Amino acid sequence: MNEPTAYGHLAGHKTAAVEVHTPTPLTPAHTAPLMPMQPGTIPAVASVVLPDGRVVTGYAIEPAKPEPVVAKPAVSRTAVNIALGGVGFLAVCGGLLMLTAFITALTALVTQLVILAAVIFGGWIAVQVFSASGHGHGTTVNIRKAVIKRNKFYG
């Protein structure tokens, strides 16, 4: 029968009301004007009276103040350097791409010039050969007996 209910108390028992006490600080008998303290001095002692009449005395603890935030530039230097490196890399890649395209075009031009020279030279030789045999008479070559004596030619 004495089981806990959803409200946290036992069934059939009354719960007592909870009283909340807030401590009130003691005011000193003589009020001195507030003076700014230099760092490194001993802080003032504060006393508080608890609800049951006890007095608690201690130093007041000031919360730690965060350091002021240093203004940062809108864009960090590292990000700017990375971006400039990327732009430079793209410029180099574009230049290398153009250089390889230029070398490829120059190779094709030289190849075509060699083929053109071979065709023209081969055509000239073909004209010489076929024009000589086309008339019906051959070329006469006179061959003499040459004599070479003491590194001198007698023809």
C-alpha atoms as a PDB file:
ATOM      1  CA  MET A   1       0.000   0.000   0.000  1.00  0.00           C
ATOM      2  CA  ASN A   2       2.945   2.331   0.578  1.00  0.00           C
ATOM      3  CA  GLU A   3       4.101   2.486  -3.026  1.00  0.00           C
ATOM      4  CA  PRO A   4       5.625   5.548  -4.722  1.00  0.00           C
ATOM      5  CA  THR A   5       3.326   7.484  -7.016  1.00  0.00           C
ATOM      6  CA  ALA A   6       4.078   9.518 -10.093  1.00  0.00           C
ATOM      7  CA  TYR A   7       4.598  12.578  -7.872  1.00  0.00           C
ATOM      8  CA  GLY A   8       7.524  11.034  -5.974  1.00  0.00           C
ATOM      9  CA  HIS A   9       5.906  10.613  -2.532  1.00  0.00           C
ATOM     10  CA  LEU A  10       4.384   7.562  -0.915  1.00  0.00           C
ATOM     11  CA  ALA A  11       0.671   6.977  -1.277  1.00  0.00           C
ATOM     12  CA  GLY A  12      -1.199   8.045   1.800  1.00  0.00           C
ATOM     13  CA  HIS A  13       1.550  10.367   3.116  1.00  0.00           C
ATOM     14  CA  LYS A  14       1.623  14.130   2.886  1.00  0.00           C
ATOM     15  CA  THR A  15       4.668  15.925   1.479  1.00  0.00           C
ATOM     16  CA  ALA A  16       6.227  18.902   3.217  1.00  0.00           C
ATOM     17  CA  ALA A  17       6.590  22.212   1.385  1.00  0.00           C
ATOM     18  CA  VAL A  18      10.154  23.177   0.483  1.00  0.00           C
ATOM     19  CA  GLU A  19      11.393  26.550   1.698  1.00  0.00           C
ATOM     20  CA  VAL A  20      14.090  28.355  -0.271  1.00  0.00           C
ATOM     21  CA  HIS A  21      16.387  30.717   1.636  1.00  0.00           C
ATOM     22  CA  THR A  22      18.613  33.205  -0.109  1.00  0.00           C
ATOM     23  CA  PRO A  23      21.657  34.399   1.872  1.00  0.00           C
ATOM     24  CA  THR A  24      21.918  38.102   2.611  1.00  0.00           C
ATOM     25  CA  PRO A  25      25.359  39.681   2.776  1.00  0.00           C
ATOM     26  CA  LEU A  26      26.311  41.622   5.917  1.00  0.00           C
ATOM     27  CA  THR A  27      26.852  45.301   5.487  1.00  0.00           C
ATOM     28  CA  PRO A  28      29.906  46.639   7.265  1.00  0.00           C
ATOM     29  CA  ALA A  29      29.369  49.076  10.150  1.00  0.00           C
ATOM     30  CA  HIS A  30      31.407  51.754   8.454  1.00  0.00           C
ATOM     31  CA  THR A  31      31.095  52.213   4.710  1.00  0.00           C
ATOM     32  CA  ALA A  32      34.351  53.119   3.041  1.00  0.00           C
ATOM     33  CA  PRO A  33      34.409  54.545  -0.442  1.00  0.00           C
ATOM     34  CA  LEU A  34      35.204  51.961  -3.097  1.00  0.00           C
ATOM     35  CA  MET A  35      38.804  52.211  -4.159  1.00  0.00           C
ATOM     36  CA  PRO A  36      40.198  50.487  -7.224  1.00  0.00           C
ATOM     37  CA  MET A  37      42.646  47.793  -6.183  1.00  0.00           C
ATOM     38  CA  GLN A  38      45.913  47.109  -7.903  1.00  0.00           C
ATOM     39  CA  PRO A  39      46.484  43.531  -9.064  1.00  0.00           C
ATOM     40  CA  GLY A  40      48.439  41.497  -6.572  1.00  0.00           C
ATOM     41  CA  THR A  41      46.791  42.909  -3.480  1.00  0.00           C
ATOM     42  CA  ILE A  42      44.682  40.854  -1.117  1.00  0.00           C
ATOM     43  CA  PRO A  43      40.982  40.993  -2.058  1.00  0.00           C
ATOM     44  CA  ALA A  44      38.333  42.123   0.414  1.00  0.00           C
ATOM     45  CA  VAL A  45      36.749  39.547   2.704  1.00  0.00           C
ATOM     46  CA  ALA A  46      32.979  39.019   2.308  1.00  0.00           C
ATOM     47  CA  SER A  47      30.661  37.616   5.013  1.00  0.00           C
ATOM     48  CA  VAL A  48      27.257  35.968   4.384  1.00  0.00           C
ATOM     49  CA  VAL A  49      24.594  35.024   6.960  1.00  0.00           C
ATOM     50  CA  LEU A  50      22.969  31.675   6.250  1.00  0.00           C
ATOM     51  CA  PRO A  51      19.252  31.026   7.073  1.00  0.00           C
ATOM     52  CA  ASP A  52      20.132  28.999  10.159  1.00  0.00           C
ATOM     53  CA  GLY A  53      22.109  31.926  11.603  1.00  0.00           C
ATOM     54  CA  ARG A  54      25.630  30.784  10.790  1.00  0.00           C
ATOM     55  CA  VAL A  55      28.034  33.342   9.288  1.00  0.00           C
ATOM     56  CA  VAL A  56      30.290  32.289   6.431  1.00  0.00           C
ATOM     57  CA  THR A  57      33.309  34.486   5.675  1.00  0.00           C
ATOM     58  CA  GLY A  58      35.531  34.200   2.634  1.00  0.00           C
ATOM     59  CA  TYR A  59      37.127  35.900  -0.302  1.00  0.00           C
ATOM     60  CA  ALA A  60      34.978  36.935  -3.202  1.00  0.00           C
ATOM     61  CA  ILE A  61      35.971  35.109  -6.376  1.00  0.00           C
ATOM     62  CA  GLU A  62      35.904  37.190  -9.498  1.00  0.00           C
ATOM     63  CA  PRO A  63      35.110  35.368 -12.711  1.00  0.00           C
ATOM     64  CA  ALA A  64      37.980  34.961 -15.114  1.00  0.00           C
ATOM     65  CA  LYS A  65      37.871  37.538 -17.882  1.00  0.00           C
ATOM     66  CA  PRO A  66      38.618  36.206 -21.338  1.00  0.00           C
ATOM     67  CA  GLU A  67      41.376  37.873 -23.293  1.00  0.00           C
ATOM     68  CA  PRO A  68      40.194  40.341 -25.892  1.00  0.00           C
ATOM     69  CA  VAL A  69      39.849  38.838 -29.334  1.00  0.00           C
ATOM     70  CA  VAL A  70      42.496  40.052 -31.736  1.00  0.00           C
ATOM     71  CA  ALA A  71      40.982  41.361 -34.931  1.00  0.00           C
ATOM     72  CA  LYS A  72      41.673  38.881 -37.699  1.00  0.00           C
ATOM     73  CA  PRO A  73      41.936  39.916 -41.330  1.00  0.00           C
ATOM     74  CA  ALA A  74      38.960  39.152 -43.552  1.00  0.00           C
ATOM     75  CA  VAL A  75      40.995  36.548 -45.468  1.00  0.00           C
ATOM     76  CA  SER A  76      43.910  34.664 -43.922  1.00  0.00           C
ATOM     77  CA  ARG A  77      47.370  34.903 -45.449  1.00  0.00           C
ATOM     78  CA  THR A  78      47.518  31.133 -45.845  1.00  0.00           C
ATOM     79  CA  ALA A  79      44.351  31.149 -47.949  1.00  0.00           C
ATOM     80  CA  VAL A  80      45.752  33.948 -50.136  1.00  0.00           C
ATOM     81  CA  ASN A  81      49.026  32.058 -50.640  1.00  0.00           C
ATOM     82  CA  ILE A  82      47.195  28.848 -51.555  1.00  0.00           C
ATOM     83  CA  ALA A  83      45.000  30.730 -54.036  1.00  0.00           C
ATOM     84  CA  LEU A  84      48.015  32.432 -55.650  1.00  0.00           C
ATOM     85  CA  GLY A  85      49.797  29.080 -55.903  1.00  0.00           C
ATOM     86  CA  GLY A  86      46.740  27.613 -57.641  1.00  0.00           C
ATOM     87  CA  VAL A  87      46.616  30.499 -60.118  1.00  0.00           C
ATOM     88  CA  GLY A  88      50.328  30.084 -60.865  1.00  0.00           C
ATOM     89  CA  PHE A  89      49.926  26.346 -61.306  1.00  0.00           C
ATOM     90  CA  LEU A  90      47.046  26.864 -63.750  1.00  0.00           C
ATOM     91  CA  ALA A  91      49.121  29.377 -65.710  1.00  0.00           C
ATOM     92  CA  VAL A  92      52.015  26.918 -65.941  1.00  0.00           C
ATOM     93  CA  CYS A  93      49.693  24.092 -67.000  1.00  0.00           C
ATOM     94  CA  GLY A  94      48.169  26.306 -69.685  1.00  0.00           C
ATOM     95  CA  GLY A  95      51.646  27.274 -70.919  1.00  0.00           C
ATOM     96  CA  LEU A  96      52.762  23.633 -71.011  1.00  0.00           C
ATOM     97  CA  LEU A  97      49.608  22.705 -72.889  1.00  0.00           C
ATOM     98  CA  MET A  98      50.309  25.427 -75.454  1.00  0.00           C
ATOM     99  CA  LEU A  99      53.965  24.344 -75.686  1.00  0.00           C
ATOM    100  CA  THR A 100      53.030  20.734 -76.401  1.00  0.00           C
ATOM    101  CA  ALA A 101      50.472  21.898 -78.975  1.00  0.00           C
ATOM    102  CA  PHE A 102      53.168  24.054 -80.635  1.00  0.00           C
ATOM    103  CA  ILE A 103      55.655  21.163 -80.707  1.00  0.00           C
ATOM    104  CA  THR A 104      53.006  18.856 -82.205  1.00  0.00           C
ATOM    105  CA  ALA A 105      52.149  21.400 -84.909  1.00  0.00           C
ATOM    106  CA  LEU A 106      55.837  22.001 -85.707  1.00  0.00           C
ATOM    107  CA  THR A 107      56.440  18.246 -86.021  1.00  0.00           C
ATOM    108  CA  ALA A 108      53.498  17.929 -88.404  1.00  0.00           C
ATOM    109  CA  LEU A 109      54.820  20.867 -90.480  1.00  0.00           C
ATOM    110  CA  VAL A 110      58.324  19.370 -90.762  1.00  0.00           C
ATOM    111  CA  THR A 111      56.865  15.993 -91.695  1.00  0.00           C
ATOM    112  CA  GLN A 112      54.740  17.554 -94.439  1.00  0.00           C
ATOM    113  CA  LEU A 113      57.727  19.539 -95.785  1.00  0.00           C
ATOM    114  CA  VAL A 114      59.846  16.346 -95.960  1.00  0.00           C
ATOM    115  CA  ILE A 115      57.033  14.524 -97.771  1.00  0.00           C
ATOM    116  CA  LEU A 116      56.594  17.478-100.161  1.00  0.00           C
ATOM    117  CA  ALA A 117      60.354  17.558-100.895  1.00  0.00           C
ATOM    118  CA  ALA A 118      60.367  13.790-101.531  1.00  0.00           C
ATOM    119  CA  VAL A 119      57.394  14.095-103.896  1.00  0.00           C
ATOM    120  CA  ILE A 120      58.944  16.992-105.811  1.00  0.00           C
ATOM    121  CA  PHE A 121      62.391  15.379-106.032  1.00  0.00           C
ATOM    122  CA  GLY A 122      60.895  12.015-106.956  1.00  0.00           C
ATOM    123  CA  GLY A 123      58.768  13.701-109.619  1.00  0.00           C
ATOM    124  CA  TRP A 124      61.800  15.465-111.075  1.00  0.00           C
ATOM    125  CA  ILE A 125      63.711  12.154-111.267  1.00  0.00           C
ATOM    126  CA  ALA A 126      60.692  10.458-112.857  1.00  0.00           C
ATOM    127  CA  VAL A 127      60.459  13.210-115.481  1.00  0.00           C
ATOM    128  CA  GLN A 128      64.170  12.806-116.252  1.00  0.00           C
ATOM    129  CA  VAL A 129      63.919   9.036-116.606  1.00  0.00           C
ATOM    130  CA  PHE A 130      60.709   8.922-118.612  1.00  0.00           C
ATOM    131  CA  SER A 131      61.569  11.849-120.873  1.00  0.00           C
ATOM    132  CA  ALA A 132      64.887  10.224-121.947  1.00  0.00           C
ATOM    133  CA  SER A 133      63.324   6.871-122.767  1.00  0.00           C
ATOM    134  CA  GLY A 134      60.236   8.389-124.357  1.00  0.00           C
ATOM    135  CA  HIS A 135      62.095   9.842-127.427  1.00  0.00           C
ATOM    136  CA  GLY A 136      63.451   6.533-128.637  1.00  0.00           C
ATOM    137  CA  HIS A 137      67.149   7.352-128.569  1.00  0.00           C
ATOM    138  CA  GLY A 138      69.354   6.797-125.583  1.00  0.00           C
ATOM    139  CA  THR A 139      72.048   8.863-123.994  1.00  0.00           C
ATOM    140  CA  THR A 140      75.529   8.432-125.381  1.00  0.00           C
ATOM    141  CA  VAL A 141      78.311   8.154-122.840  1.00  0.00           C
ATOM    142  CA  ASN A 142      81.911   8.177-124.051  1.00  0.00           C
ATOM    143  CA  ILE A 143      84.134   6.125-121.813  1.00  0.00           C
ATOM    144  CA  ARG A 144      87.867   6.485-122.226  1.00  0.00           C
ATOM    145  CA  LYS A 145      90.607   4.587-120.637  1.00  0.00           C
ATOM    146  CA  ALA A 146      91.959   6.770-117.911  1.00  0.00           C
ATOM    147  CA  VAL A 147      95.522   6.559-116.698  1.00  0.00           C
ATOM    148  CA  ILE A 148      96.614   7.631-113.240  1.00  0.00           C
ATOM    149  CA  LYS A 149     100.368   7.997-112.745  1.00  0.00           C
ATOM    150  CA  ARG A 150     101.935   9.372-109.640  1.00  0.00           C
ATOM    151  CA  ASN A 151      98.653  10.704-108.249  1.00  0.00           C
ATOM    152  CA  LYS A 152      97.970  12.570-111.467  1.00  0.00           C
ATOM    153  CA  PHE A 153      94.973  11.920-113.728  1.00  0.00           C
ATOM    154  CA  TYR A 154      95.510  11.602-117.501  1.00  0.00           C
ATOM    155  CA  GLY A 155      92.234  11.295-119.264  1.00  0.00           C
END
